Amino acid sequence: MNNPAPPRPAAPAAHAHPAPAVASFRDPAFLLSHVEDTLAFYAPHALDPSGGFHHFFRDDGSVYDYTTRHLVSSCRFVFNYAMAYRHFGDPRYLDHARHGLRFLRDAHWDDERHGYDWVIEWRDGGKRATLDGTRHCYGLAFVLLAAAHATIAGIDDAKPLIAATYELAEHRFWDRAAGLYADDATPNWIVSSYRGQNANMHMTEALLAAYEATGHLTYLDRAEKLATNVVQRQAALSGGLVWEHFHADWSVDWDYNKEDSSNIFRPWGFQPGHQTEWAKLLMMLERHRSRDWLLPRATELFDAALAHAWDAEHGGLCYGFGPDYTVCDHDKYFWVQAETFAAAALLGARTGSERFWDWYDEVWRYSWAHFVDHRYGAWYRVLTCDNRKYGDEKSPAGKTDYHTMGACYDVLAALARAAERNA
């Protein structure tokens, strides 16, 4: 495959508040400042003193749903504040992470059926109701991620949750014959026939964090097994790229959600953002396991995403493309851009190749001009093909800017490692 080169930057969108000039998107000071600005967007209204955090924010940071709580957002807020404490040292961030971890265990946990409820209603005074009790391996991946990062931040009572969550996933979702996790189950733990790569991808991310938090090789071994089975074995069934959906026997399901290419968790089509996210994870895995296939495979996935999904006219990566490599969803999503610039940085730092850094700069230029809200802070969630907003719901449940701040932290770590090697 030809290595795509970044085009000239697209013009700013009409909705954009003027973007300040940036001398270098590779500057650690810029990345840290951007994270601080993003945290500041959530600071006035996110914390709910009665428990957890609010999950629905408009462009100006105001809350538009005070009672609905989604498991993914609850976990991602713990990640956000644990990472913020590690990088900035503000004890309030550590308190926020503890606050979020308590809510995760006390409010989302169903003690009768031993699972985490996907969506709950939470009202002042702790009145709780289950809105969706489906068990999702994807959700357990984020519980594991939250527990791991809380442990790394120094929250000692988070550490037992790492092993407990791993064992729960092992007991309920692990498909030993396939070497991958099943996806979802009823509240009473009847596992469905659907199989997906997305839960396995985020379990890989969480397992790497669990290994870094504990040093236990069980987690690293499992992360390597998942990565190998998804990006090698399963991807070989779909032409070399990572397809999203599979039947119970892990054969490719080409038709699942075929009429729903914009589904938030299970979209049809190849996901460019997941190709680049896997590229990033393979480079993270390589830090701990030197395997000769990791770098070539990460490069292939990254290059394919840019080759098939970059919008040469309007900038940015589109949301999805079909088996014939034509774009099936032209919208632009914030997380796709963030995961792509993170992958570009990790590949650039690993290889020393400027072409990856060129893509890093180009994706950042596009995102800085169109996705970052320079008036109120944080990123818009989704834009049209030509970079117009759909509405003022900047951060509905599931977002929390975990992808954008996480990508900045990933780049900072890559830059620090590169600096150590060159010292």
Protein backbone atom coordinates (compact mmCIF):
# COMPACT_ATOMS: atom_id res chain seq x y z
CA MET A 1 0.00 0.00 0.00
CA ASN A 2 1.28 3.48 -0.83
CA ASN A 3 2.10 5.62 2.17
CA PRO A 4 -0.35 8.53 2.08
CA ALA A 5 1.01 12.03 2.51
CA PRO A 6 -0.98 14.70 4.36
CA PRO A 7 -2.61 17.33 2.13
CA ARG A 8 -2.74 21.04 2.70
CA PRO A 9 -4.89 22.11 5.67
CA ALA A 10 -8.60 22.72 5.09
CA ALA A 11 -10.10 26.13 5.74
CA PRO A 12 -11.64 26.74 9.19
CA ALA A 13 -15.33 25.96 9.64
CA ALA A 14 -17.83 28.81 9.77
CA HIS A 15 -18.93 27.87 13.30
CA ALA A 16 -15.44 27.97 14.75
CA HIS A 17 -14.41 30.58 17.32
CA PRO A 18 -11.07 31.94 16.08
CA ALA A 19 -8.36 29.40 16.81
CA PRO A 20 -5.24 30.84 18.43
CA ALA A 21 -1.95 30.22 16.68
CA VAL A 22 0.05 27.22 17.87
CA ALA A 23 3.81 27.20 17.38
CA SER A 24 4.08 23.42 17.65
CA PHE A 25 1.50 20.73 18.35
CA ARG A 26 4.43 18.56 19.43
CA ASP A 27 5.30 20.85 22.36
CA PRO A 28 4.56 19.15 25.71
CA ALA A 29 3.59 22.53 27.15
CA PHE A 30 0.89 22.88 24.48
CA LEU A 31 -0.47 19.39 25.18
CA LEU A 32 -0.61 19.94 28.93
CA SER A 33 -2.25 23.33 28.47
CA HIS A 34 -4.88 21.79 26.20
CA VAL A 35 -5.66 19.12 28.78
CA GLU A 36 -6.04 21.81 31.45
CA ASP A 37 -8.39 23.78 29.21
CA THR A 38 -10.47 20.65 28.62
CA LEU A 39 -10.65 19.86 32.33
CA ALA A 40 -11.74 23.45 32.93
CA PHE A 41 -14.75 22.91 30.64
CA TYR A 42 -16.07 20.20 32.95
CA ALA A 43 -14.99 21.79 36.24
CA PRO A 44 -18.00 24.03 37.01
CA HIS A 45 -20.77 21.47 36.60
CA ALA A 46 -19.47 17.90 36.28
CA LEU A 47 -19.22 16.88 39.94
CA ASP A 48 -22.45 15.77 41.61
CA PRO A 49 -21.91 15.96 45.39
CA SER A 50 -24.62 13.32 45.89
CA GLY A 51 -22.63 10.83 43.84
CA GLY A 52 -20.58 10.53 40.67
CA PHE A 53 -20.65 13.05 37.85
CA HIS A 54 -23.15 14.48 35.44
CA HIS A 55 -22.90 13.03 31.94
CA PHE A 56 -24.67 15.41 29.54
CA PHE A 57 -23.20 18.82 28.66
CA ARG A 58 -24.08 21.48 26.13
CA ASP A 59 -21.51 23.57 24.30
CA ASP A 60 -21.28 26.10 27.15
CA GLY A 61 -20.79 23.40 29.78
CA SER A 62 -24.33 23.51 31.17
CA VAL A 63 -25.94 20.20 32.09
CA TYR A 64 -29.04 19.11 30.17
CA ASP A 65 -29.71 15.76 31.89
CA TYR A 66 -29.01 15.57 35.60
CA THR A 67 -30.20 12.06 36.37
CA THR A 68 -29.06 9.60 33.67
CA ARG A 69 -25.74 7.91 34.35
CA HIS A 70 -23.95 5.68 31.86
CA LEU A 71 -21.40 3.10 33.00
CA VAL A 72 -18.88 4.18 30.36
CA SER A 73 -18.95 7.83 31.39
CA SER A 74 -18.76 6.93 35.08
CA CYS A 75 -15.58 4.96 34.38
CA ARG A 76 -14.07 7.51 32.04
CA PHE A 77 -14.39 10.29 34.60
CA VAL A 78 -12.33 8.20 37.02
CA PHE A 79 -9.69 7.80 34.32
CA ASN A 80 -9.78 11.54 33.55
CA TYR A 81 -9.21 12.63 37.12
CA ALA A 82 -6.70 9.93 38.01
CA MET A 83 -4.60 10.96 35.02
CA ALA A 84 -5.05 14.65 35.81
CA TYR A 85 -3.78 14.10 39.34
CA ARG A 86 -0.71 12.23 38.06
CA HIS A 87 0.17 15.04 35.63
CA PHE A 88 -0.79 18.14 37.59
CA GLY A 89 -0.66 17.05 41.24
CA ASP A 90 -3.83 18.89 42.28
CA PRO A 91 -5.32 16.95 45.24
CA ARG A 92 -8.82 17.90 44.08
CA TYR A 93 -8.33 15.65 41.08
CA LEU A 94 -7.48 12.73 43.36
CA ASP A 95 -10.59 13.45 45.42
CA HIS A 96 -12.66 13.47 42.22
CA ALA A 97 -11.21 10.12 41.17
CA ARG A 98 -12.07 8.62 44.58
CA HIS A 99 -15.55 10.14 44.37
CA GLY A 100 -16.10 8.58 40.94
CA LEU A 101 -14.77 5.19 42.01
CA ARG A 102 -17.18 5.07 44.96
CA PHE A 103 -20.09 5.83 42.65
CA LEU A 104 -19.00 3.14 40.25
CA ARG A 105 -19.06 0.51 42.97
CA ASP A 106 -22.04 1.77 44.96
CA ALA A 107 -24.42 2.90 42.21
CA HIS A 108 -23.65 0.89 39.05
CA TRP A 109 -22.99 -2.41 40.80
CA ASP A 110 -25.92 -4.82 41.04
CA ASP A 111 -25.10 -6.79 44.16
CA GLU A 112 -27.94 -9.26 43.67
CA ARG A 113 -26.86 -10.43 40.21
CA HIS A 114 -23.21 -9.43 40.43
CA GLY A 115 -22.83 -7.17 37.44
CA TYR A 116 -22.54 -3.53 36.46
CA ASP A 117 -25.71 -1.88 35.19
CA TRP A 118 -25.19 -0.18 31.85
CA VAL A 119 -27.47 2.83 32.47
CA ILE A 120 -29.00 3.98 35.75
CA GLU A 121 -31.10 6.86 37.00
CA TRP A 122 -29.62 8.76 39.93
CA ARG A 123 -31.47 11.43 41.87
CA ASP A 124 -30.49 13.63 44.81
CA GLY A 125 -30.27 11.69 48.01
CA GLY A 126 -29.09 8.56 46.28
CA LYS A 127 -32.38 7.36 44.82
CA ARG A 128 -31.29 4.84 42.22
CA ALA A 129 -33.12 2.97 39.47
CA THR A 130 -31.83 0.67 36.73
CA LEU A 131 -32.69 1.91 33.26
CA ASP A 132 -30.67 -0.71 31.36
CA GLY A 133 -29.21 -3.68 33.19
CA THR A 134 -27.52 -5.24 30.17
CA ARG A 135 -24.07 -6.61 30.96
CA HIS A 136 -21.43 -5.44 28.52
CA CYS A 137 -17.84 -6.66 28.29
CA TYR A 138 -17.11 -3.20 26.89
CA GLY A 139 -18.35 -1.82 30.21
CA LEU A 140 -16.15 -4.20 32.21
CA ALA A 141 -13.19 -3.05 30.13
CA PHE A 142 -13.75 0.48 31.36
CA VAL A 143 -14.27 -0.61 34.96
CA LEU A 144 -10.90 -2.35 34.69
CA LEU A 145 -9.32 0.73 33.11
CA ALA A 146 -10.71 2.99 35.84
CA ALA A 147 -9.48 0.66 38.59
CA ALA A 148 -6.02 0.40 37.04
CA HIS A 149 -5.52 4.13 36.62
CA ALA A 150 -6.94 4.87 40.06
CA THR A 151 -4.41 2.39 41.46
CA ILE A 152 -1.54 4.02 39.59
CA ALA A 153 -2.68 7.38 40.96
CA GLY A 154 -2.31 6.01 44.50
CA ILE A 155 -5.88 5.03 45.43
CA ASP A 156 -5.09 1.81 47.28
CA ASP A 157 -8.66 0.55 47.59
CA ALA A 158 -8.90 0.51 43.78
CA LYS A 159 -6.34 -2.28 43.46
CA PRO A 160 -8.61 -5.19 44.55
CA LEU A 161 -11.10 -4.06 41.90
CA ILE A 162 -8.56 -4.88 39.17
CA ALA A 163 -8.48 -8.58 40.00
CA ALA A 164 -12.21 -8.71 40.76
CA THR A 165 -13.11 -7.19 37.39
CA TYR A 166 -10.72 -9.42 35.49
CA GLU A 167 -12.21 -12.50 37.17
CA LEU A 168 -15.76 -11.34 36.44
CA ALA A 169 -14.95 -10.95 32.74
CA GLU A 170 -13.16 -14.31 32.80
CA HIS A 171 -16.14 -16.05 34.35
CA ARG A 172 -18.87 -14.45 32.28
CA PHE A 173 -17.43 -13.50 28.89
CA TRP A 174 -14.20 -15.35 28.17
CA ASP A 175 -14.44 -17.61 25.10
CA ARG A 176 -11.51 -19.94 25.67
CA ALA A 177 -11.76 -21.67 22.30
CA ALA A 178 -11.63 -18.36 20.41
CA GLY A 179 -9.18 -16.64 22.73
CA LEU A 180 -11.46 -13.58 22.81
CA TYR A 181 -14.24 -12.14 24.93
CA ALA A 182 -17.94 -12.42 24.11
CA ASP A 183 -19.77 -9.13 24.09
CA ASP A 184 -22.97 -8.79 26.09
CA ALA A 185 -25.49 -10.60 28.28
CA THR A 186 -28.87 -10.10 29.89
CA PRO A 187 -29.04 -8.83 33.48
CA ASN A 188 -29.20 -12.53 34.48
CA TRP A 189 -26.03 -13.28 32.49
CA ILE A 190 -27.42 -15.05 29.46
CA VAL A 191 -24.72 -14.30 26.89
CA SER A 192 -25.90 -13.25 23.42
CA SER A 193 -24.64 -14.69 20.14
CA TYR A 194 -23.15 -11.36 19.04
CA ARG A 195 -19.37 -11.10 19.00
CA GLY A 196 -17.47 -7.87 18.45
CA GLN A 197 -13.92 -6.59 18.29
CA ASN A 198 -14.60 -3.32 20.11
CA ALA A 199 -14.92 -4.86 23.56
CA ASN A 200 -11.72 -6.83 22.96
CA MET A 201 -9.88 -3.72 21.82
CA HIS A 202 -10.80 -1.83 24.99
CA MET A 203 -10.03 -4.89 27.11
CA THR A 204 -6.56 -4.81 25.56
CA GLU A 205 -6.20 -1.17 26.58
CA ALA A 206 -7.43 -1.91 30.11
CA LEU A 207 -5.27 -5.01 30.52
CA LEU A 208 -2.14 -3.07 29.57
CA ALA A 209 -3.06 -0.52 32.24
CA ALA A 210 -3.73 -3.33 34.74
CA TYR A 211 -0.30 -4.76 34.04
CA GLU A 212 1.32 -1.36 34.54
CA ALA A 213 -0.60 -0.92 37.79
CA THR A 214 0.26 -4.33 39.25
CA GLY A 215 3.16 -5.90 37.34
CA HIS A 216 1.16 -9.12 37.04
CA LEU A 217 2.02 -10.95 33.82
CA THR A 218 -1.47 -12.47 33.62
CA TYR A 219 -2.77 -9.15 32.35
CA LEU A 220 0.03 -8.62 29.85
CA ASP A 221 -0.31 -12.17 28.53
CA ARG A 222 -4.02 -11.68 27.99
CA ALA A 223 -3.51 -8.30 26.30
CA GLU A 224 -1.05 -9.88 23.87
CA LYS A 225 -3.44 -12.76 23.14
CA LEU A 226 -6.33 -10.40 22.39
CA ALA A 227 -4.21 -8.18 20.15
CA THR A 228 -2.82 -11.13 18.24
CA ASN A 229 -6.20 -12.74 17.71
CA VAL A 230 -7.96 -9.55 16.61
CA VAL A 231 -5.43 -7.82 14.38
CA GLN A 232 -3.89 -10.97 12.94
CA ARG A 233 -6.35 -13.89 12.89
CA GLN A 234 -9.68 -12.05 12.76
CA ALA A 235 -8.42 -9.29 10.46
CA ALA A 236 -7.21 -11.95 8.01
CA LEU A 237 -10.87 -12.92 7.57
CA SER A 238 -11.75 -9.41 6.38
CA GLY A 239 -8.95 -8.55 3.98
CA GLY A 240 -6.36 -7.48 6.55
CA LEU A 241 -8.28 -4.71 8.30
CA VAL A 242 -10.17 -4.99 11.56
CA TRP A 243 -13.90 -5.61 11.00
CA GLU A 244 -16.28 -4.86 13.86
CA HIS A 245 -18.87 -7.64 13.95
CA PHE A 246 -18.83 -11.42 14.12
CA HIS A 247 -21.13 -14.40 14.56
CA ALA A 248 -20.96 -16.62 17.65
CA ASP A 249 -18.30 -18.79 15.96
CA TRP A 250 -16.23 -15.67 15.22
CA SER A 251 -16.87 -15.78 11.48
CA VAL A 252 -17.32 -12.34 9.92
CA ASP A 253 -20.84 -10.89 10.05
CA TRP A 254 -20.83 -8.53 7.08
CA ASP A 255 -24.46 -7.50 7.54
CA TYR A 256 -24.74 -6.64 11.24
CA ASN A 257 -26.11 -3.08 11.57
CA LYS A 258 -25.74 -2.63 7.82
CA GLU A 259 -28.37 0.11 7.91
CA ASP A 260 -26.75 1.78 10.90
CA SER A 261 -23.27 3.00 10.02
CA SER A 262 -23.50 5.72 12.69
CA ASN A 263 -24.25 3.47 15.67
CA ILE A 264 -22.31 4.80 18.64
CA PHE A 265 -20.97 1.43 19.86
CA ARG A 266 -21.62 -0.97 16.97
CA PRO A 267 -21.43 0.85 13.63
CA TRP A 268 -21.38 -1.01 10.34
CA GLY A 269 -18.27 -0.77 8.19
CA PHE A 270 -14.58 -0.55 8.81
CA GLN A 271 -13.86 2.06 11.47
CA PRO A 272 -10.81 4.18 10.59
CA GLY A 273 -10.59 5.25 14.23
CA HIS A 274 -10.35 1.64 15.34
CA GLN A 275 -7.61 0.88 12.83
CA THR A 276 -5.54 3.74 14.24
CA GLU A 277 -6.52 2.96 17.84
CA TRP A 278 -5.24 -0.59 17.35
CA ALA A 279 -2.05 0.84 15.83
CA LYS A 280 -1.59 2.86 19.01
CA LEU A 281 -2.28 -0.14 21.26
CA LEU A 282 0.18 -2.33 19.34
CA MET A 283 2.88 0.26 19.98
CA MET A 284 1.94 0.29 23.67
CA LEU A 285 2.13 -3.49 23.78
CA GLU A 286 5.56 -3.37 22.15
CA ARG A 287 6.92 -1.45 25.14
CA HIS A 288 6.48 -4.62 27.18
CA ARG A 289 6.67 -7.38 24.56
CA SER A 290 9.18 -7.18 21.73
CA ARG A 291 7.43 -8.96 18.86
CA ASP A 292 8.64 -8.44 15.31
CA TRP A 293 5.09 -8.22 13.89
CA LEU A 294 3.83 -5.36 16.03
CA LEU A 295 5.38 -2.39 14.23
CA PRO A 296 4.64 -3.60 10.68
CA ARG A 297 1.05 -4.40 11.60
CA ALA A 298 0.53 -1.05 13.33
CA THR A 299 1.90 0.73 10.29
CA GLU A 300 -0.41 -1.19 7.93
CA LEU A 301 -3.51 -0.33 9.97
CA PHE A 302 -2.54 3.32 10.30
CA ASP A 303 -1.77 3.72 6.61
CA ALA A 304 -5.02 2.02 5.58
CA ALA A 305 -7.10 4.35 7.74
CA LEU A 306 -5.54 7.46 6.22
CA ALA A 307 -5.65 6.07 2.69
CA HIS A 308 -9.34 5.23 2.77
CA ALA A 309 -10.86 7.73 5.22
CA TRP A 310 -9.01 11.03 4.97
CA ASP A 311 -11.22 13.73 3.45
CA ALA A 312 -8.92 15.59 1.05
CA GLU A 313 -11.51 18.31 0.46
CA HIS A 314 -12.70 19.18 3.96
CA GLY A 315 -10.01 17.62 6.13
CA GLY A 316 -10.33 15.05 8.89
CA LEU A 317 -11.06 11.35 8.86
CA CYS A 318 -14.54 10.13 8.02
CA TYR A 319 -16.36 7.79 10.40
CA GLY A 320 -16.52 4.61 8.33
CA PHE A 321 -15.90 2.89 5.01
CA GLY A 322 -17.34 -0.30 3.57
CA PRO A 323 -15.77 -3.56 2.39
CA ASP A 324 -15.27 -1.95 -1.03
CA TYR A 325 -13.28 0.85 0.70
CA THR A 326 -15.78 3.59 -0.22
CA VAL A 327 -16.86 5.88 2.61
CA CYS A 328 -20.19 4.82 4.11
CA ASP A 329 -20.41 7.54 6.77
CA HIS A 330 -18.92 10.92 5.89
CA ASP A 331 -19.42 12.49 9.32
CA LYS A 332 -16.41 13.46 11.39
CA TYR A 333 -16.17 12.24 14.99
CA PHE A 334 -13.91 13.73 17.62
CA TRP A 335 -12.50 10.44 18.89
CA VAL A 336 -11.41 9.29 15.43
CA GLN A 337 -9.19 12.35 15.05
CA ALA A 338 -7.80 12.03 18.59
CA GLU A 339 -6.89 8.35 18.30
CA THR A 340 -5.29 9.02 14.93
CA PHE A 341 -2.96 11.78 16.10
CA ALA A 342 -2.02 9.63 19.10
CA ALA A 343 -1.18 6.69 16.84
CA ALA A 344 0.80 8.97 14.53
CA ALA A 345 2.86 10.24 17.46
CA LEU A 346 3.60 6.77 18.80
CA LEU A 347 4.62 5.54 15.36
CA GLY A 348 6.67 8.67 14.76
CA ALA A 349 8.46 8.36 18.08
CA ARG A 350 9.06 4.66 17.54
CA THR A 351 10.36 4.85 13.97
CA GLY A 352 11.84 8.34 13.76
CA SER A 353 9.96 8.75 10.49
CA GLU A 354 8.83 12.29 9.85
CA ARG A 355 5.93 11.12 7.70
CA PHE A 356 4.07 10.00 10.84
CA TRP A 357 4.79 13.33 12.50
CA ASP A 358 3.53 15.11 9.38
CA TRP A 359 0.22 13.29 9.79
CA TYR A 360 0.24 14.11 13.50
CA ASP A 361 0.58 17.81 12.71
CA GLU A 362 -2.06 17.65 9.97
CA VAL A 363 -4.68 15.91 12.10
CA TRP A 364 -4.01 18.36 14.91
CA ARG A 365 -4.30 21.36 12.56
CA TYR A 366 -7.64 20.09 11.34
CA SER A 367 -8.89 19.32 14.86
CA TRP A 368 -7.66 22.64 16.25
CA ALA A 369 -9.51 24.52 13.52
CA HIS A 370 -12.78 22.55 13.61
CA PHE A 371 -13.26 20.34 16.68
CA VAL A 372 -11.76 22.28 19.58
CA ASP A 373 -14.16 24.84 21.02
CA HIS A 374 -11.95 27.87 21.60
CA ARG A 375 -14.70 29.73 23.40
CA TYR A 376 -15.88 27.27 26.04
CA GLY A 377 -13.30 24.48 25.84
CA ALA A 378 -13.35 20.73 25.09
CA TRP A 379 -14.13 19.21 21.68
CA TYR A 380 -17.34 19.02 19.71
CA ARG A 381 -18.48 15.41 19.41
CA VAL A 382 -19.53 15.09 15.77
CA LEU A 383 -19.46 17.32 12.68
CA THR A 384 -20.86 17.01 9.19
CA CYS A 385 -18.67 16.13 6.25
CA ASP A 386 -17.97 19.83 5.70
CA ASN A 387 -17.37 20.49 9.41
CA ARG A 388 -20.68 21.95 10.55
CA LYS A 389 -22.18 21.19 13.96
CA TYR A 390 -25.43 19.24 14.26
CA GLY A 391 -26.45 20.90 17.52
CA ASP A 392 -25.21 22.16 20.86
CA GLU A 393 -24.94 18.80 22.69
CA LYS A 394 -21.18 18.76 23.02
CA SER A 395 -20.71 15.93 25.48
CA PRO A 396 -23.55 13.43 25.86
CA ALA A 397 -23.05 10.24 27.86
CA GLY A 398 -20.03 8.26 26.75
CA LYS A 399 -17.82 11.20 25.80
CA THR A 400 -16.17 13.01 28.77
CA ASP A 401 -13.23 13.86 26.44
CA TYR A 402 -11.47 10.72 27.63
CA HIS A 403 -10.28 10.15 24.06
CA THR A 404 -8.90 13.66 23.57
CA MET A 405 -7.16 14.05 26.92
CA GLY A 406 -6.04 10.43 26.79
CA ALA A 407 -4.51 11.00 23.37
CA CYS A 408 -2.59 14.00 24.72
CA TYR A 409 -1.24 11.89 27.57
CA ASP A 410 -0.26 9.15 25.10
CA VAL A 411 1.68 11.69 23.03
CA LEU A 412 3.38 13.11 26.11
CA ALA A 413 4.52 9.61 27.11
CA ALA A 414 5.82 8.93 23.60
CA LEU A 415 7.73 12.21 23.54
CA ALA A 416 9.25 11.50 26.96
CA ARG A 417 10.40 8.03 25.90
CA ALA A 418 11.88 9.41 22.70
CA ALA A 419 13.74 12.05 24.69
CA GLU A 420 15.14 9.40 27.04
CA ARG A 421 16.38 7.31 24.11
CA ASN A 422 18.05 10.32 22.55
CA ALA A 423 19.60 11.60 25.78
